[in-house]
Amino acid sequence: MTISKPKLKLAGTDGNAFALLGAALRTGKKAGWTNEQVEEFKVRATKSDYDHLLRTLQHYFDAE
């Protein structure tokens, strides 16, 4: 599935995995992602460990 890569500002965000995931989900929704796209991201991002979460964030977002 192809989705837009919205900008996600990580600088200044709590590095906690839950905080990063929450920021990403809010950003995706604000960017107009469908519920299916949001759910796909969430499933992929939470599939493994913290490093996997960061790689997934970089895949789906233009992380700053």
C-alpha atoms as a PDB file:
ATOM      1  CA  MET A   1       0.000   0.000   0.000  1.00  0.00           C
ATOM      2  CA  THR A   2       1.274   3.458  -0.877  1.00  0.00           C
ATOM      3  CA  ILE A   3       0.624   6.258   1.564  1.00  0.00           C
ATOM      4  CA  SER A   4       1.843   9.804   1.888  1.00  0.00           C
ATOM      5  CA  LYS A   5       4.870  10.344   4.124  1.00  0.00           C
ATOM      6  CA  PRO A   6       3.853  13.124   6.486  1.00  0.00           C
ATOM      7  CA  LYS A   7       6.458  15.037   8.469  1.00  0.00           C
ATOM      8  CA  LEU A   8       6.878  13.731  12.012  1.00  0.00           C
ATOM      9  CA  LYS A   9       8.856  15.901  14.408  1.00  0.00           C
ATOM     10  CA  LEU A  10      10.730  13.600  16.780  1.00  0.00           C
ATOM     11  CA  ALA A  11      13.108  16.198  18.215  1.00  0.00           C
ATOM     12  CA  GLY A  12      11.812  17.241  21.605  1.00  0.00           C
ATOM     13  CA  THR A  13       9.412  14.289  21.775  1.00  0.00           C
ATOM     14  CA  ASP A  14       9.660  11.922  24.726  1.00  0.00           C
ATOM     15  CA  GLY A  15      11.702   8.943  23.491  1.00  0.00           C
ATOM     16  CA  ASN A  16       9.314   6.527  25.159  1.00  0.00           C
ATOM     17  CA  ALA A  17       7.945   4.030  22.602  1.00  0.00           C
ATOM     18  CA  PHE A  18       4.348   4.801  23.568  1.00  0.00           C
ATOM     19  CA  ALA A  19       4.892   8.549  23.171  1.00  0.00           C
ATOM     20  CA  LEU A  20       6.497   8.052  19.748  1.00  0.00           C
ATOM     21  CA  LEU A  21       3.714   5.721  18.636  1.00  0.00           C
ATOM     22  CA  GLY A  22       1.050   8.168  19.831  1.00  0.00           C
ATOM     23  CA  ALA A  23       2.685  11.080  18.011  1.00  0.00           C
ATOM     24  CA  ALA A  24       2.915   9.006  14.843  1.00  0.00           C
ATOM     25  CA  LEU A  25      -0.722   7.897  15.011  1.00  0.00           C
ATOM     26  CA  ARG A  26      -1.925  11.479  15.551  1.00  0.00           C
ATOM     27  CA  THR A  27       0.241  12.707  12.679  1.00  0.00           C
ATOM     28  CA  GLY A  28      -1.005   9.978  10.322  1.00  0.00           C
ATOM     29  CA  LYS A  29      -4.630  10.774  11.144  1.00  0.00           C
ATOM     30  CA  LYS A  30      -4.036  14.512  10.668  1.00  0.00           C
ATOM     31  CA  ALA A  31      -2.430  13.708   7.293  1.00  0.00           C
ATOM     32  CA  GLY A  32      -5.639  12.016   6.187  1.00  0.00           C
ATOM     33  CA  TRP A  33      -4.668   8.370   6.492  1.00  0.00           C
ATOM     34  CA  THR A  34      -7.611   5.996   6.397  1.00  0.00           C
ATOM     35  CA  ASN A  35      -8.415   3.827   9.407  1.00  0.00           C
ATOM     36  CA  GLU A  36      -6.942   0.894   7.464  1.00  0.00           C
ATOM     37  CA  GLN A  37      -3.666   2.757   6.903  1.00  0.00           C
ATOM     38  CA  VAL A  38      -3.453   3.791  10.559  1.00  0.00           C
ATOM     39  CA  GLU A  39      -4.086   0.212  11.686  1.00  0.00           C
ATOM     40  CA  GLU A  40      -1.507  -1.184   9.231  1.00  0.00           C
ATOM     41  CA  PHE A  41       1.112   1.213  10.557  1.00  0.00           C
ATOM     42  CA  LYS A  42       0.250   0.385  14.171  1.00  0.00           C
ATOM     43  CA  VAL A  43       0.479  -3.375  13.591  1.00  0.00           C
ATOM     44  CA  ARG A  44       3.814  -3.080  11.785  1.00  0.00           C
ATOM     45  CA  ALA A  45       5.289  -0.608  14.271  1.00  0.00           C
ATOM     46  CA  THR A  46       4.436  -2.720  17.323  1.00  0.00           C
ATOM     47  CA  LYS A  47       5.535  -6.038  15.830  1.00  0.00           C
ATOM     48  CA  SER A  48       8.937  -6.149  17.505  1.00  0.00           C
ATOM     49  CA  ASP A  49      11.301  -4.062  19.615  1.00  0.00           C
ATOM     50  CA  TYR A  50      12.143  -0.366  19.980  1.00  0.00           C
ATOM     51  CA  ASP A  51      14.643  -0.383  17.099  1.00  0.00           C
ATOM     52  CA  HIS A  52      11.984  -1.886  14.828  1.00  0.00           C
ATOM     53  CA  LEU A  53       9.585   0.877  15.894  1.00  0.00           C
ATOM     54  CA  LEU A  54      12.146   3.523  14.919  1.00  0.00           C
ATOM     55  CA  ARG A  55      12.800   1.900  11.536  1.00  0.00           C
ATOM     56  CA  THR A  56       9.052   1.691  10.896  1.00  0.00           C
ATOM     57  CA  LEU A  57       8.638   5.367  11.801  1.00  0.00           C
ATOM     58  CA  GLN A  58      11.323   6.253   9.265  1.00  0.00           C
ATOM     59  CA  HIS A  59       9.621   4.115   6.627  1.00  0.00           C
ATOM     60  CA  TYR A  60       6.181   5.703   7.041  1.00  0.00           C
ATOM     61  CA  PHE A  61       7.149   9.267   7.998  1.00  0.00           C
ATOM     62  CA  ASP A  62       9.533  12.009   6.992  1.00  0.00           C
ATOM     63  CA  ALA A  63      11.010  12.003  10.489  1.00  0.00           C
ATOM     64  CA  GLU A  64      12.789  15.151  11.634  1.00  0.00           C
END
